[in-house]
Amino acid sequence: MTFRSLQFSVTGSTGNHYEVNAFREGNRFIMTCNCEAGIRRTYCKHRIALLDGDCSALRSENADDVDHLRALLHGTEAERYYHVLVELDSQMRELTKKIKDTKRAFARSINRADT
């Protein structure tokens, strides 16, 4: 079954409700959200969460449709950018952990009492 358009209702972190729509126009994947970031056409955590398969904020009763987002995204330029974003986000989390661990080790090394 091919899905050309999907609609979701989500709850934002402030408790506001937003509508997220995803559809395909030829080879273009388009995903909108009526939150402030979505209206400004900037990075929107509601859209990313759904693409990541996160249904925790989903208000509408169509969690099964979240799986179909990948089918709409497949083969588009947006899919390529999505995968790059996921990879960079993973690298950033790893680097953040390494920085934290190194700062802790550095602090221990300079705070040792001479014996």
N, C-alpha and C. Protein backbone atom coordinates (compact mmCIF):
# COMPACT_ATOMS: atom_id res chain seq x y z
N MET A 1 0.83 -1.18 0.00
CA MET A 1 0.00 0.00 0.00
C MET A 1 0.88 1.25 0.00
N THR A 2 0.60 2.20 -0.83
CA THR A 2 1.37 3.43 -0.92
C THR A 2 0.64 4.55 -0.19
N PHE A 3 1.38 5.24 0.66
CA PHE A 3 0.81 6.36 1.41
C PHE A 3 1.34 7.65 0.79
N ARG A 4 0.44 8.52 0.37
CA ARG A 4 0.84 9.79 -0.21
C ARG A 4 0.77 10.92 0.80
N SER A 5 -0.05 10.77 1.85
CA SER A 5 -0.22 11.83 2.83
C SER A 5 -0.55 11.22 4.19
N LEU A 6 0.07 11.77 5.23
CA LEU A 6 -0.17 11.31 6.60
C LEU A 6 -0.35 12.53 7.50
N GLN A 7 -1.25 12.43 8.48
CA GLN A 7 -1.50 13.51 9.41
C GLN A 7 -1.36 12.97 10.84
N PHE A 8 -0.77 13.80 11.69
CA PHE A 8 -0.57 13.44 13.10
C PHE A 8 -0.91 14.63 13.98
N SER A 9 -1.37 14.34 15.17
CA SER A 9 -1.57 15.37 16.19
C SER A 9 -0.62 15.01 17.33
N VAL A 10 0.17 16.00 17.77
CA VAL A 10 1.16 15.76 18.82
C VAL A 10 1.03 16.80 19.92
N THR A 11 1.55 16.45 21.08
CA THR A 11 1.62 17.38 22.19
C THR A 11 3.06 17.83 22.36
N GLY A 12 3.28 19.14 22.39
CA GLY A 12 4.63 19.68 22.55
C GLY A 12 5.06 19.67 24.01
N SER A 13 6.31 20.02 24.24
CA SER A 13 6.88 20.00 25.59
C SER A 13 6.20 20.99 26.53
N THR A 14 5.56 22.01 25.98
CA THR A 14 4.86 23.00 26.81
C THR A 14 3.39 22.64 26.99
N GLY A 15 2.96 21.51 26.42
CA GLY A 15 1.57 21.08 26.52
C GLY A 15 0.69 21.54 25.38
N ASN A 16 1.24 22.36 24.48
CA ASN A 16 0.47 22.79 23.31
C ASN A 16 0.29 21.63 22.35
N HIS A 17 -0.80 21.69 21.59
CA HIS A 17 -1.07 20.65 20.60
C HIS A 17 -0.73 21.18 19.21
N TYR A 18 -0.10 20.31 18.42
CA TYR A 18 0.33 20.69 17.07
C TYR A 18 -0.10 19.64 16.07
N GLU A 19 -0.26 20.10 14.84
CA GLU A 19 -0.61 19.21 13.74
C GLU A 19 0.61 19.06 12.82
N VAL A 20 0.95 17.81 12.55
CA VAL A 20 2.08 17.50 11.68
C VAL A 20 1.52 16.78 10.46
N ASN A 21 1.90 17.23 9.29
CA ASN A 21 1.47 16.60 8.05
C ASN A 21 2.69 16.22 7.24
N ALA A 22 2.62 15.08 6.60
CA ALA A 22 3.71 14.61 5.75
C ALA A 22 3.10 14.14 4.44
N PHE A 23 3.73 14.53 3.34
CA PHE A 23 3.25 14.06 2.06
C PHE A 23 4.37 14.06 1.04
N ARG A 24 4.08 13.48 -0.07
CA ARG A 24 5.05 13.32 -1.14
C ARG A 24 4.52 14.02 -2.38
N GLU A 25 5.36 14.82 -3.01
CA GLU A 25 5.06 15.44 -4.31
C GLU A 25 6.15 14.99 -5.25
N GLY A 26 5.89 13.96 -6.02
CA GLY A 26 6.92 13.40 -6.89
C GLY A 26 8.06 12.86 -6.05
N ASN A 27 9.26 13.40 -6.25
CA ASN A 27 10.42 12.97 -5.48
C ASN A 27 10.68 13.85 -4.26
N ARG A 28 9.76 14.74 -3.98
CA ARG A 28 9.92 15.65 -2.83
C ARG A 28 9.10 15.17 -1.65
N PHE A 29 9.76 15.07 -0.50
CA PHE A 29 9.10 14.76 0.76
C PHE A 29 8.88 16.09 1.48
N ILE A 30 7.66 16.33 1.90
CA ILE A 30 7.32 17.58 2.58
C ILE A 30 6.66 17.22 3.90
N MET A 31 7.14 17.86 4.96
CA MET A 31 6.59 17.60 6.28
C MET A 31 6.41 18.93 6.97
N THR A 32 5.19 19.23 7.39
CA THR A 32 4.89 20.50 8.02
C THR A 32 4.44 20.29 9.47
N CYS A 33 4.61 21.32 10.26
CA CYS A 33 4.12 21.33 11.64
C CYS A 33 3.70 22.76 11.94
N ASN A 34 2.63 22.92 12.69
CA ASN A 34 2.17 24.28 12.97
C ASN A 34 2.71 24.83 14.30
N CYS A 35 3.81 24.24 14.79
CA CYS A 35 4.50 24.84 15.94
C CYS A 35 5.28 26.06 15.44
N GLU A 36 5.82 26.83 16.35
CA GLU A 36 6.54 28.04 15.96
C GLU A 36 7.71 27.74 15.02
N ALA A 37 8.50 26.72 15.34
CA ALA A 37 9.63 26.36 14.47
C ALA A 37 9.14 25.90 13.11
N GLY A 38 8.08 25.12 13.10
CA GLY A 38 7.53 24.64 11.83
C GLY A 38 7.01 25.78 10.97
N ILE A 39 6.35 26.72 11.59
CA ILE A 39 5.83 27.88 10.86
C ILE A 39 6.97 28.70 10.27
N ARG A 40 8.08 28.80 11.04
CA ARG A 40 9.26 29.53 10.54
C ARG A 40 10.09 28.70 9.57
N ARG A 41 9.67 27.45 9.37
CA ARG A 41 10.37 26.52 8.47
C ARG A 41 11.79 26.23 8.93
N THR A 42 11.95 26.09 10.25
CA THR A 42 13.24 25.72 10.81
C THR A 42 13.13 24.33 11.41
N TYR A 43 14.21 23.87 12.03
CA TYR A 43 14.25 22.54 12.64
C TYR A 43 13.14 22.41 13.66
N CYS A 44 12.35 21.38 13.53
CA CYS A 44 11.19 21.15 14.41
C CYS A 44 11.32 19.78 15.06
N LYS A 45 11.37 19.75 16.38
CA LYS A 45 11.57 18.49 17.09
C LYS A 45 10.37 17.55 16.97
N HIS A 46 9.20 18.08 16.67
CA HIS A 46 8.02 17.22 16.52
C HIS A 46 8.14 16.37 15.25
N ARG A 47 8.60 16.99 14.19
CA ARG A 47 8.77 16.24 12.93
C ARG A 47 9.87 15.20 13.07
N ILE A 48 11.00 15.60 13.66
CA ILE A 48 12.11 14.67 13.83
C ILE A 48 11.71 13.50 14.71
N ALA A 49 10.99 13.78 15.80
CA ALA A 49 10.56 12.70 16.70
C ALA A 49 9.73 11.67 15.95
N LEU A 50 8.81 12.13 15.13
CA LEU A 50 7.99 11.19 14.36
C LEU A 50 8.84 10.41 13.37
N LEU A 51 9.77 11.09 12.69
CA LEU A 51 10.65 10.38 11.75
C LEU A 51 11.51 9.36 12.47
N ASP A 52 11.87 9.65 13.72
CA ASP A 52 12.66 8.72 14.53
C ASP A 52 11.80 7.56 15.05
N GLY A 53 10.49 7.63 14.83
CA GLY A 53 9.60 6.57 15.30
C GLY A 53 9.13 6.77 16.73
N ASP A 54 9.36 7.96 17.28
CA ASP A 54 8.98 8.27 18.65
C ASP A 54 7.51 8.69 18.69
N CYS A 55 6.69 7.89 19.31
CA CYS A 55 5.25 8.16 19.41
C CYS A 55 4.85 8.70 20.78
N SER A 56 5.81 9.03 21.62
CA SER A 56 5.51 9.43 23.00
C SER A 56 4.66 10.69 23.08
N ALA A 57 4.73 11.58 22.11
CA ALA A 57 3.94 12.81 22.14
C ALA A 57 2.72 12.73 21.22
N LEU A 58 2.50 11.59 20.63
CA LEU A 58 1.40 11.43 19.67
C LEU A 58 0.06 11.48 20.37
N ARG A 59 -0.82 12.35 19.93
CA ARG A 59 -2.18 12.46 20.46
C ARG A 59 -3.16 11.72 19.58
N SER A 60 -2.92 11.77 18.29
CA SER A 60 -3.81 11.07 17.36
C SER A 60 -3.61 9.57 17.54
N GLU A 61 -4.60 8.82 17.18
CA GLU A 61 -4.55 7.38 17.38
C GLU A 61 -4.10 6.66 16.12
N ASN A 62 -2.99 7.11 15.56
CA ASN A 62 -2.48 6.50 14.34
C ASN A 62 -0.99 6.21 14.43
N ALA A 63 -0.60 5.61 15.55
CA ALA A 63 0.82 5.28 15.75
C ALA A 63 1.34 4.38 14.63
N ASP A 64 0.49 3.54 14.07
CA ASP A 64 0.93 2.67 12.97
C ASP A 64 1.39 3.49 11.77
N ASP A 65 0.82 4.67 11.58
CA ASP A 65 1.20 5.51 10.45
C ASP A 65 2.61 6.06 10.58
N VAL A 66 3.14 6.12 11.81
CA VAL A 66 4.51 6.62 12.02
C VAL A 66 5.48 5.76 11.22
N ASP A 67 5.23 4.46 11.18
CA ASP A 67 6.09 3.55 10.40
C ASP A 67 6.05 3.89 8.91
N HIS A 68 4.94 4.43 8.45
CA HIS A 68 4.79 4.73 7.02
C HIS A 68 5.50 6.02 6.60
N LEU A 69 5.92 6.81 7.59
CA LEU A 69 6.68 8.02 7.26
C LEU A 69 7.94 7.68 6.49
N ARG A 70 8.61 6.61 6.88
CA ARG A 70 9.85 6.20 6.20
C ARG A 70 9.58 5.87 4.74
N ALA A 71 8.42 5.30 4.45
CA ALA A 71 8.08 4.99 3.05
C ALA A 71 7.92 6.28 2.24
N LEU A 72 7.32 7.29 2.86
CA LEU A 72 7.18 8.57 2.16
C LEU A 72 8.53 9.24 1.97
N LEU A 73 9.39 9.10 2.95
CA LEU A 73 10.71 9.74 2.93
C LEU A 73 11.68 9.06 1.96
N HIS A 74 11.50 7.76 1.78
CA HIS A 74 12.45 6.94 1.01
C HIS A 74 12.72 7.49 -0.40
N GLY A 75 14.00 7.58 -0.70
CA GLY A 75 14.43 7.98 -2.04
C GLY A 75 14.41 9.47 -2.31
N THR A 76 14.23 10.26 -1.28
CA THR A 76 14.17 11.71 -1.47
C THR A 76 15.46 12.37 -0.96
N GLU A 77 15.66 13.60 -1.36
CA GLU A 77 16.79 14.37 -0.87
C GLU A 77 16.69 14.54 0.65
N ALA A 78 15.47 14.71 1.14
CA ALA A 78 15.26 14.85 2.58
C ALA A 78 15.74 13.61 3.33
N GLU A 79 15.59 12.43 2.73
CA GLU A 79 16.05 11.21 3.39
C GLU A 79 17.57 11.25 3.57
N ARG A 80 18.27 11.71 2.55
CA ARG A 80 19.73 11.81 2.65
C ARG A 80 20.12 12.73 3.80
N TYR A 81 19.50 13.90 3.88
CA TYR A 81 19.80 14.84 4.96
C TYR A 81 19.40 14.28 6.32
N TYR A 82 18.30 13.57 6.37
CA TYR A 82 17.86 12.96 7.62
C TYR A 82 18.92 11.98 8.13
N HIS A 83 19.45 11.14 7.24
CA HIS A 83 20.47 10.17 7.66
C HIS A 83 21.76 10.87 8.12
N VAL A 84 22.13 11.93 7.44
CA VAL A 84 23.32 12.70 7.85
C VAL A 84 23.07 13.29 9.24
N LEU A 85 21.90 13.85 9.45
CA LEU A 85 21.55 14.44 10.73
C LEU A 85 21.60 13.40 11.85
N VAL A 86 21.04 12.23 11.60
CA VAL A 86 21.05 11.16 12.61
C VAL A 86 22.49 10.77 12.94
N GLU A 87 23.34 10.63 11.92
CA GLU A 87 24.73 10.25 12.15
C GLU A 87 25.48 11.34 12.91
N LEU A 88 25.31 12.59 12.52
CA LEU A 88 25.99 13.69 13.21
C LEU A 88 25.51 13.82 14.65
N ASP A 89 24.23 13.61 14.88
CA ASP A 89 23.70 13.66 16.24
C ASP A 89 24.32 12.56 17.10
N SER A 90 24.50 11.38 16.53
CA SER A 90 25.13 10.27 17.24
C SER A 90 26.58 10.61 17.57
N GLN A 91 27.29 11.16 16.60
CA GLN A 91 28.68 11.55 16.83
C GLN A 91 28.78 12.62 17.91
N MET A 92 27.84 13.56 17.90
CA MET A 92 27.86 14.63 18.89
C MET A 92 27.65 14.06 20.30
N ARG A 93 26.72 13.12 20.44
CA ARG A 93 26.51 12.50 21.76
C ARG A 93 27.76 11.78 22.23
N GLU A 94 28.42 11.07 21.32
CA GLU A 94 29.67 10.37 21.67
C GLU A 94 30.74 11.37 22.09
N LEU A 95 30.91 12.45 21.32
CA LEU A 95 31.92 13.45 21.66
C LEU A 95 31.59 14.15 22.98
N THR A 96 30.32 14.44 23.21
CA THR A 96 29.92 15.07 24.47
C THR A 96 30.29 14.18 25.65
N LYS A 97 30.06 12.88 25.52
CA LYS A 97 30.42 11.93 26.58
C LYS A 97 31.93 11.89 26.76
N LYS A 98 32.68 11.85 25.65
CA LYS A 98 34.15 11.82 25.75
C LYS A 98 34.68 13.09 26.41
N ILE A 99 34.11 14.23 26.06
CA ILE A 99 34.53 15.50 26.67
C ILE A 99 34.27 15.47 28.17
N LYS A 100 33.08 15.03 28.56
CA LYS A 100 32.73 14.96 29.97
C LYS A 100 33.68 14.02 30.72
N ASP A 101 33.94 12.83 30.16
CA ASP A 101 34.84 11.86 30.78
C ASP A 101 36.26 12.41 30.88
N THR A 102 36.71 13.10 29.84
CA THR A 102 38.06 13.66 29.83
C THR A 102 38.18 14.80 30.84
N LYS A 103 37.18 15.63 30.95
CA LYS A 103 37.20 16.70 31.95
C LYS A 103 37.28 16.11 33.35
N ARG A 104 36.51 15.06 33.59
CA ARG A 104 36.52 14.40 34.89
C ARG A 104 37.91 13.82 35.18
N ALA A 105 38.49 13.13 34.18
CA ALA A 105 39.83 12.55 34.35
C ALA A 105 40.87 13.64 34.56
N PHE A 106 40.76 14.73 33.81
CA PHE A 106 41.69 15.84 33.95
C PHE A 106 41.59 16.43 35.36
N ALA A 107 40.38 16.63 35.83
CA ALA A 107 40.19 17.19 37.17
C ALA A 107 40.79 16.28 38.23
N ARG A 108 40.59 14.98 38.08
CA ARG A 108 41.18 14.03 39.04
C ARG A 108 42.70 14.10 38.99
N SER A 109 43.24 14.22 37.79
CA SER A 109 44.70 14.20 37.66
C SER A 109 45.35 15.46 38.24
N ILE A 110 44.71 16.58 38.16
CA ILE A 110 45.32 17.80 38.69
C ILE A 110 44.99 18.05 40.15
N ASN A 111 44.04 17.28 40.69
CA ASN A 111 43.65 17.46 42.08
C ASN A 111 44.22 16.39 43.00
N ARG A 112 45.12 15.56 42.48
CA ARG A 112 45.71 14.53 43.33
C ARG A 112 46.66 15.17 44.33
N ALA A 113 46.59 14.69 45.55
CA ALA A 113 47.52 15.17 46.58
C ALA A 113 48.82 14.40 46.43
N ASP A 114 49.92 15.11 46.53
CA ASP A 114 51.23 14.44 46.48
C ASP A 114 51.41 13.59 47.72
N THR A 115 51.85 12.37 47.53
CA THR A 115 52.10 11.49 48.67
C THR A 115 53.54 11.10 48.74
